[in-house]
Amino acid sequence: MSNRQPFQQRVADEKSELDDRLKKLKLFQVTEVFDGLPDAEKARLRCQQLVMQCYSELLYDRINAFE
């Protein structure tokens, strides 16, 4: 949508940035560095991934509602 209001564009930009960070987190979780982390830290990062995914889905729904 090219006629977005400024706040709508901010939401779209935020989702794009979030999705980029989420992709990087997912890639990190299959590295040897991740495997070497304490179990508690790995669990926190997995929890973070789930929350980020939920947030991304919420932003997706908001963006679709703009149209």
Protein backbone atom coordinates (compact mmCIF):
# COMPACT_ATOMS: atom_id res chain seq x y z
CA MET A 1 0.00 0.00 0.00
CA SER A 2 1.61 3.24 -1.10
CA ASN A 3 -0.78 5.66 0.61
CA ARG A 4 0.02 4.64 4.15
CA GLN A 5 -0.32 7.06 6.99
CA PRO A 6 2.98 7.74 8.79
CA PHE A 7 2.02 5.55 11.76
CA GLN A 8 1.09 2.72 9.38
CA GLN A 9 4.47 2.96 7.70
CA ARG A 10 6.14 2.83 11.11
CA VAL A 11 4.27 -0.38 11.89
CA ALA A 12 5.34 -1.88 8.55
CA ASP A 13 8.94 -0.81 9.14
CA GLU A 14 8.87 -2.24 12.64
CA LYS A 15 7.62 -5.59 11.32
CA SER A 16 10.33 -5.66 8.69
CA GLU A 17 13.03 -4.96 11.28
CA LEU A 18 11.55 -7.48 13.69
CA ASP A 19 11.40 -10.17 11.01
CA ASP A 20 15.06 -9.51 10.18
CA ARG A 21 16.05 -9.91 13.83
CA LEU A 22 13.88 -13.03 14.14
CA LYS A 23 15.55 -14.59 11.11
CA LYS A 24 18.98 -13.90 12.61
CA LEU A 25 17.93 -15.39 15.94
CA LYS A 26 16.67 -18.55 14.23
CA LEU A 27 19.94 -18.87 12.31
CA PHE A 28 21.91 -18.38 15.52
CA GLN A 29 20.02 -21.21 17.18
CA VAL A 30 21.57 -23.74 14.80
CA THR A 31 25.17 -22.71 15.45
CA GLU A 32 27.84 -24.30 17.60
CA VAL A 33 27.94 -21.12 19.70
CA PHE A 34 24.28 -21.60 20.60
CA ASP A 35 24.90 -25.26 21.38
CA GLY A 36 27.64 -24.20 23.80
CA LEU A 37 25.38 -21.91 25.82
CA PRO A 38 24.01 -22.96 29.20
CA ASP A 39 20.62 -24.66 28.98
CA ALA A 40 18.92 -21.80 30.83
CA GLU A 41 20.17 -19.26 28.27
CA LYS A 42 19.10 -21.46 25.36
CA ALA A 43 15.64 -21.70 26.92
CA ARG A 44 15.46 -17.90 27.25
CA LEU A 45 16.45 -17.44 23.61
CA ARG A 46 13.81 -19.97 22.51
CA CYS A 47 11.24 -18.10 24.59
CA GLN A 48 12.39 -14.83 23.01
CA GLN A 49 11.91 -16.38 19.56
CA LEU A 50 8.34 -17.38 20.39
CA VAL A 51 7.49 -13.93 21.68
CA MET A 52 9.05 -12.27 18.65
CA GLN A 53 7.08 -14.59 16.35
CA CYS A 54 3.82 -13.73 18.13
CA TYR A 55 4.61 -10.03 17.89
CA SER A 56 5.39 -10.37 14.18
CA GLU A 57 2.06 -12.10 13.60
CA LEU A 58 0.27 -9.34 15.48
CA LEU A 59 1.96 -6.67 13.36
CA TYR A 60 1.02 -8.65 10.24
CA ASP A 61 -2.63 -8.59 11.32
CA ARG A 62 -2.46 -4.86 11.99
CA ILE A 63 -0.94 -4.18 8.58
CA ASN A 64 -3.62 -6.23 6.86
CA ALA A 65 -6.29 -4.29 8.73
CA PHE A 66 -4.89 -1.05 7.27
CA GLU A 67 -5.83 -2.18 3.77
